[in-house]
C-alpha atoms as a PDB file:
ATOM      1  CA  MET A   1      16.288 -18.827  14.020  1.00  0.00           C
ATOM      2  CA  THR A   2      18.361 -16.521  11.817  1.00  0.00           C
ATOM      3  CA  PRO A   3      18.178 -12.596  11.809  1.00  0.00           C
ATOM      4  CA  PHE A   4      16.435 -12.819   8.346  1.00  0.00           C
ATOM      5  CA  GLU A   5      13.935 -15.414   9.746  1.00  0.00           C
ATOM      6  CA  PHE A   6      13.431 -13.223  12.992  1.00  0.00           C
ATOM      7  CA  VAL A   7      12.964 -10.203  10.875  1.00  0.00           C
ATOM      8  CA  THR A   8      10.411 -11.685   8.264  1.00  0.00           C
ATOM      9  CA  VAL A   9       8.444 -12.933  11.230  1.00  0.00           C
ATOM     10  CA  ALA A  10       8.028  -9.629  12.744  1.00  0.00           C
ATOM     11  CA  LEU A  11       7.125  -7.892   9.359  1.00  0.00           C
ATOM     12  CA  SER A  12       4.748 -10.918   8.532  1.00  0.00           C
ATOM     13  CA  PHE A  13       2.836  -9.958  11.626  1.00  0.00           C
ATOM     14  CA  VAL A  14       2.289  -6.447  10.543  1.00  0.00           C
ATOM     15  CA  LEU A  15       1.574  -7.013   7.354  1.00  0.00           C
ATOM     16  CA  GLY A  16      -0.728  -9.857   7.799  1.00  0.00           C
ATOM     17  CA  LEU A  17      -2.759  -7.695  10.469  1.00  0.00           C
ATOM     18  CA  GLY A  18      -2.579  -4.896   7.289  1.00  0.00           C
ATOM     19  CA  ILE A  19      -4.062  -7.497   4.858  1.00  0.00           C
ATOM     20  CA  THR A  20      -6.617  -9.333   7.253  1.00  0.00           C
ATOM     21  CA  ARG A  21      -8.100  -5.648   8.251  1.00  0.00           C
ATOM     22  CA  LEU A  22      -8.351  -5.012   4.593  1.00  0.00           C
ATOM     23  CA  LEU A  23     -10.225  -8.185   3.871  1.00  0.00           C
ATOM     24  CA  SER A  24     -12.530  -8.051   6.796  1.00  0.00           C
ATOM     25  CA  ALA A  25     -13.473  -4.484   5.430  1.00  0.00           C
ATOM     26  CA  SER A  26     -14.101  -5.775   2.273  1.00  0.00           C
ATOM     27  CA  VAL A  27     -16.128  -8.513   3.579  1.00  0.00           C
ATOM     28  CA  HIS A  28     -18.295  -5.937   5.913  1.00  0.00           C
ATOM     29  CA  ILE A  29     -18.775  -4.046   2.407  1.00  0.00           C
ATOM     30  CA  PHE A  30     -20.288  -7.109   0.883  1.00  0.00           C
ATOM     31  CA  HIS A  31     -22.208  -7.935   3.830  1.00  0.00           C
ATOM     32  CA  THR A  32     -23.719  -4.104   3.726  1.00  0.00           C
ATOM     33  CA  ARG A  33     -24.268  -3.943  -0.003  1.00  0.00           C
ATOM     34  CA  ARG A  34     -27.879  -3.413   0.539  1.00  0.00           C
ATOM     35  CA  ASN A  35     -27.533  -0.503   3.099  1.00  0.00           C
ATOM     36  CA  LEU A  36     -24.174   1.013   1.584  1.00  0.00           C
ATOM     37  CA  LYS A  37     -24.203   2.788  -1.757  1.00  0.00           C
ATOM     38  CA  PHE A  38     -21.415   1.350  -3.615  1.00  0.00           C
ATOM     39  CA  HIS A  39     -18.492   3.179  -5.609  1.00  0.00           C
ATOM     40  CA  TRP A  40     -15.464   1.707  -7.340  1.00  0.00           C
ATOM     41  CA  VAL A  41     -13.042   4.224  -6.523  1.00  0.00           C
ATOM     42  CA  PRO A  42     -12.409   3.250  -2.767  1.00  0.00           C
ATOM     43  CA  ILE A  43     -12.514  -0.390  -3.929  1.00  0.00           C
ATOM     44  CA  VAL A  44     -10.012   0.105  -6.663  1.00  0.00           C
ATOM     45  CA  TRP A  45      -7.604   2.221  -3.831  1.00  0.00           C
ATOM     46  CA  ALA A  46      -8.103  -0.863  -1.559  1.00  0.00           C
ATOM     47  CA  LEU A  47      -7.214  -3.008  -4.219  1.00  0.00           C
ATOM     48  CA  SER A  48      -3.845  -1.081  -5.255  1.00  0.00           C
ATOM     49  CA  ILE A  49      -2.948  -1.188  -1.290  1.00  0.00           C
ATOM     50  CA  PHE A  50      -3.502  -5.014  -1.138  1.00  0.00           C
ATOM     51  CA  LEU A  51      -1.343  -5.520  -4.203  1.00  0.00           C
ATOM     52  CA  VAL A  52       1.380  -3.099  -2.804  1.00  0.00           C
ATOM     53  CA  GLN A  53       1.149  -5.083   0.529  1.00  0.00           C
ATOM     54  CA  ILE A  54       1.547  -8.465  -1.277  1.00  0.00           C
ATOM     55  CA  GLN A  55       4.287  -7.226  -3.534  1.00  0.00           C
ATOM     56  CA  TYR A  56       5.974  -5.921  -0.421  1.00  0.00           C
ATOM     57  CA  TRP A  57       5.843  -9.150   1.311  1.00  0.00           C
ATOM     58  CA  TRP A  58       7.143 -10.780  -1.675  1.00  0.00           C
ATOM     59  CA  ALA A  59       9.906  -8.254  -1.929  1.00  0.00           C
ATOM     60  CA  ILE A  60      11.462  -8.676   1.575  1.00  0.00           C
ATOM     61  CA  PHE A  61      12.465 -12.126   0.398  1.00  0.00           C
ATOM     62  CA  GLU A  62      15.349 -10.930  -1.994  1.00  0.00           C
ATOM     63  CA  LEU A  63      16.634  -9.649   1.135  1.00  0.00           C
ATOM     64  CA  SER A  64      18.162 -12.941   2.537  1.00  0.00           C
ATOM     65  CA  ASP A  65      20.660 -12.991  -0.242  1.00  0.00           C
ATOM     66  CA  ARG A  66      21.202  -9.026  -0.091  1.00  0.00           C
ATOM     67  CA  ILE A  67      21.934  -8.428   3.375  1.00  0.00           C
ATOM     68  CA  GLU A  68      24.562 -10.558   5.456  1.00  0.00           C
ATOM     69  CA  ILE A  69      24.380  -8.489   8.829  1.00  0.00           C
ATOM     70  CA  TRP A  70      21.176  -6.965   9.924  1.00  0.00           C
ATOM     71  CA  THR A  71      21.094  -3.564  11.532  1.00  0.00           C
ATOM     72  CA  ALA A  72      18.597  -1.666  13.563  1.00  0.00           C
ATOM     73  CA  LEU A  73      18.446   0.792  10.589  1.00  0.00           C
ATOM     74  CA  HIS A  74      17.499  -2.217   8.270  1.00  0.00           C
ATOM     75  CA  PHE A  75      14.979  -3.971  10.306  1.00  0.00           C
ATOM     76  CA  GLY A  76      13.271  -0.198  11.427  1.00  0.00           C
ATOM     77  CA  THR A  77      13.303   0.990   7.386  1.00  0.00           C
ATOM     78  CA  LEU A  78      11.416  -2.388   7.047  1.00  0.00           C
ATOM     79  CA  LEU A  79       8.958  -1.874   9.738  1.00  0.00           C
ATOM     80  CA  LEU A  80       7.999   1.380   9.172  1.00  0.00           C
ATOM     81  CA  LEU A  81       7.282   0.410   5.313  1.00  0.00           C
ATOM     82  CA  ALA A  82       5.167  -2.523   6.719  1.00  0.00           C
ATOM     83  CA  LEU A  83       3.450  -0.239   9.487  1.00  0.00           C
ATOM     84  CA  MET A  84       2.610   2.486   6.667  1.00  0.00           C
ATOM     85  CA  LEU A  85       1.097  -0.196   4.424  1.00  0.00           C
ATOM     86  CA  PHE A  86      -0.894  -1.385   7.553  1.00  0.00           C
ATOM     87  CA  VAL A  87      -2.624   1.680   8.201  1.00  0.00           C
ATOM     88  CA  ALA A  88      -3.361   2.340   4.812  1.00  0.00           C
ATOM     89  CA  GLY A  89      -5.152  -0.664   4.513  1.00  0.00           C
ATOM     90  CA  ALA A  90      -6.886  -0.189   8.066  1.00  0.00           C
ATOM     91  CA  VAL A  91      -8.468   3.168   6.908  1.00  0.00           C
ATOM     92  CA  VAL A  92      -9.348   2.687   3.352  1.00  0.00           C
ATOM     93  CA  LEU A  93     -12.315   1.088   3.821  1.00  0.00           C
ATOM     94  CA  PRO A  94     -14.973   1.263   6.402  1.00  0.00           C
ATOM     95  CA  THR A  95     -15.590  -1.384   8.831  1.00  0.00           C
ATOM     96  CA  THR A  96     -18.858  -2.073  10.867  1.00  0.00           C
ATOM     97  CA  THR A  97     -17.862  -0.013  13.734  1.00  0.00           C
ATOM     98  CA  ASP A  98     -16.891   3.339  11.351  1.00  0.00           C
ATOM     99  CA  VAL A  99     -19.426   3.542   8.821  1.00  0.00           C
ATOM    100  CA  ASP A 100     -20.887   6.898   9.145  1.00  0.00           C
ATOM    101  CA  SER A 101     -22.685   7.380   5.990  1.00  0.00           C
ATOM    102  CA  GLU A 102     -24.587   5.033   3.416  1.00  0.00           C
ATOM    103  CA  SER A 103     -22.483   5.941   0.725  1.00  0.00           C
ATOM    104  CA  LEU A 104     -18.812   4.188   0.321  1.00  0.00           C
ATOM    105  CA  LEU A 105     -17.534   7.410  -1.503  1.00  0.00           C
ATOM    106  CA  ASP A 106     -18.490   9.792   1.214  1.00  0.00           C
ATOM    107  CA  ASN A 107     -16.960   7.432   3.891  1.00  0.00           C
ATOM    108  CA  PHE A 108     -13.749   7.464   1.545  1.00  0.00           C
ATOM    109  CA  ASP A 109     -13.804  11.310   1.368  1.00  0.00           C
ATOM    110  CA  ARG A 110     -14.073  11.750   5.194  1.00  0.00           C
ATOM    111  CA  ASN A 111     -11.771   8.527   6.403  1.00  0.00           C
ATOM    112  CA  GLY A 112     -10.441   6.543   3.662  1.00  0.00           C
ATOM    113  CA  ARG A 113      -8.679   9.358   1.856  1.00  0.00           C
ATOM    114  CA  TRP A 114      -6.225   9.355   4.723  1.00  0.00           C
ATOM    115  CA  ALA A 115      -4.830   5.928   3.210  1.00  0.00           C
ATOM    116  CA  LEU A 116      -3.590   7.710   0.361  1.00  0.00           C
ATOM    117  CA  LEU A 117      -1.436  10.125   2.777  1.00  0.00           C
ATOM    118  CA  PHE A 118       0.226   6.663   3.886  1.00  0.00           C
ATOM    119  CA  LEU A 119       0.775   5.453   0.348  1.00  0.00           C
ATOM    120  CA  VAL A 120       2.535   8.673  -0.331  1.00  0.00           C
ATOM    121  CA  GLY A 121       4.618   8.059   3.258  1.00  0.00           C
ATOM    122  CA  TYR A 122       5.163   4.447   1.785  1.00  0.00           C
ATOM    123  CA  SER A 123       6.088   5.413  -1.793  1.00  0.00           C
ATOM    124  CA  THR A 124       8.379   8.354  -0.448  1.00  0.00           C
ATOM    125  CA  MET A 125      10.373   6.270   2.014  1.00  0.00           C
ATOM    126  CA  GLY A 126      10.388   3.392  -0.413  1.00  0.00           C
ATOM    127  CA  LEU A 127      12.474   5.594  -2.676  1.00  0.00           C
ATOM    128  CA  TRP A 128      14.881   5.640  -0.032  1.00  0.00           C
ATOM    129  CA  ALA A 129      14.667   1.995   1.177  1.00  0.00           C
ATOM    130  CA  ASN A 130      14.946   0.742  -2.408  1.00  0.00           C
ATOM    131  CA  TRP A 131      18.214   2.217  -2.858  1.00  0.00           C
ATOM    132  CA  TYR A 132      19.557   1.355   0.627  1.00  0.00           C
ATOM    133  CA  LEU A 133      18.103  -2.316   0.472  1.00  0.00           C
ATOM    134  CA  PHE A 134      17.900  -3.142  -2.998  1.00  0.00           C
ATOM    135  CA  GLY A 135      20.330  -0.795  -4.631  1.00  0.00           C
ATOM    136  CA  THR A 136      17.958   0.582  -6.959  1.00  0.00           C
ATOM    137  CA  SER A 137      18.834   4.541  -7.739  1.00  0.00           C
ATOM    138  CA  PRO A 138      15.950   6.780  -7.123  1.00  0.00           C
ATOM    139  CA  ILE A 139      16.654   8.339 -10.499  1.00  0.00           C
ATOM    140  CA  SER A 140      16.440   4.875 -12.210  1.00  0.00           C
ATOM    141  CA  TYR A 141      13.090   3.908 -14.418  1.00  0.00           C
ATOM    142  CA  ILE A 142      11.716   2.186 -11.253  1.00  0.00           C
ATOM    143  CA  GLY A 143      12.400   5.392  -9.119  1.00  0.00           C
ATOM    144  CA  GLY A 144      10.845   7.626 -11.775  1.00  0.00           C
ATOM    145  CA  LEU A 145       7.747   5.159 -11.550  1.00  0.00           C
ATOM    146  CA  VAL A 146       7.672   5.404  -7.900  1.00  0.00           C
ATOM    147  CA  VAL A 147       7.860   9.362  -8.176  1.00  0.00           C
ATOM    148  CA  VAL A 148       4.578   8.975 -10.068  1.00  0.00           C
ATOM    149  CA  LEU A 149       3.092   6.888  -7.371  1.00  0.00           C
ATOM    150  CA  ILE A 150       4.000   9.551  -4.872  1.00  0.00           C
ATOM    151  CA  LEU A 151       2.270  12.286  -7.030  1.00  0.00           C
ATOM    152  CA  MET A 152      -0.648  10.544  -8.229  1.00  0.00           C
ATOM    153  CA  PRO A 153      -2.363  10.197  -4.125  1.00  0.00           C
ATOM    154  CA  LEU A 154      -1.247  13.906  -3.723  1.00  0.00           C
ATOM    155  CA  THR A 155      -3.020  14.783  -6.866  1.00  0.00           C
ATOM    156  CA  TYR A 156      -5.983  13.188  -6.119  1.00  0.00           C
ATOM    157  CA  LEU A 157      -6.085  14.736  -2.649  1.00  0.00           C
ATOM    158  CA  LEU A 158      -5.654  18.226  -4.227  1.00  0.00           C
ATOM    159  CA  VAL A 159      -8.208  18.023  -6.657  1.00  0.00           C
ATOM    160  CA  ARG A 160     -12.333  18.139  -6.650  1.00  0.00           C
ATOM    161  CA  ASN A 161     -13.033  16.969  -9.778  1.00  0.00           C
ATOM    162  CA  ARG A 162     -14.626  13.531  -9.452  1.00  0.00           C
ATOM    163  CA  ARG A 163     -13.787  12.402 -13.380  1.00  0.00           C
ATOM    164  CA  LEU A 164     -10.214  13.409 -12.508  1.00  0.00           C
ATOM    165  CA  GLN A 165      -9.939  11.279  -9.414  1.00  0.00           C
ATOM    166  CA  GLY A 166     -11.179   8.399 -10.967  1.00  0.00           C
ATOM    167  CA  ALA A 167      -8.895   8.701 -13.792  1.00  0.00           C
ATOM    168  CA  ILE A 168      -6.125   8.965 -11.054  1.00  0.00           C
ATOM    169  CA  THR A 169      -7.218   5.917  -9.338  1.00  0.00           C
ATOM    170  CA  VAL A 170      -7.429   3.840 -12.348  1.00  0.00           C
ATOM    171  CA  MET A 171      -3.730   5.236 -13.326  1.00  0.00           C
ATOM    172  CA  TYR A 172      -2.467   4.647 -10.001  1.00  0.00           C
ATOM    173  CA  LEU A 173      -3.597   0.837  -9.936  1.00  0.00           C
ATOM    174  CA  ILE A 174      -2.098   0.627 -13.875  1.00  0.00           C
ATOM    175  CA  VAL A 175       1.323   2.034 -12.552  1.00  0.00           C
ATOM    176  CA  SER A 176       1.455  -0.262  -9.566  1.00  0.00           C
ATOM    177  CA  VAL A 177       0.920  -3.167 -11.447  1.00  0.00           C
ATOM    178  CA  TRP A 178       3.413  -2.040 -13.891  1.00  0.00           C
ATOM    179  CA  ILE A 179       6.053  -1.631 -11.329  1.00  0.00           C
ATOM    180  CA  ILE A 180       4.998  -5.017  -9.293  1.00  0.00           C
ATOM    181  CA  VAL A 181       5.619  -6.760 -12.508  1.00  0.00           C
ATOM    182  CA  GLU A 182       8.804  -4.822 -13.812  1.00  0.00           C
ATOM    183  CA  SER A 183      10.641  -4.869 -10.215  1.00  0.00           C
ATOM    184  CA  SER A 184       9.352  -8.681  -8.559  1.00  0.00           C
ATOM    185  CA  PRO A 185      10.808 -11.562  -9.481  1.00  0.00           C
ATOM    186  CA  LEU A 186       8.837 -14.540 -10.388  1.00  0.00           C
ATOM    187  CA  ALA A 187      10.702 -16.838  -8.106  1.00  0.00           C
ATOM    188  CA  TYR A 188      13.379 -16.986  -5.626  1.00  0.00           C
END
């Protein structure tokens, strides 16, 4: 087993668990749809996290050609990023054991909003990781978009206006998809 294969297996475990947790929570929401007042904002944040998780998994493949000698710093950086995405995916939506409200939005306000801080942490560390691992400058076009991804969840957490929170949620999804399209190769 090559060092790259070892790294990808370890990261795949963490990312796979995060995606599983997010998808399981989505199925739970579907099953409890009669008892849980639906709201689109937590669903859009969950979709955004899911897309970032998938894009991160896809981006890891690029490192097989970029990094010849793997260090603990390489591995630790990638693992910390994966762990942040795991936690974001794990807390954004309620599961059978943590629904303490009949409203999806109330539950998001109480518990799911913590996912946004992990997205901020992921994007903040991602600025450095993009430079360190992929050679993308923090002051590049993509770096600027990542800064926007840092500021939007922070702004969401600071404002109380529901319309503004909704607009930030939609804009975060749009910018996330834009970055994915701009920075992800179609094939390896």
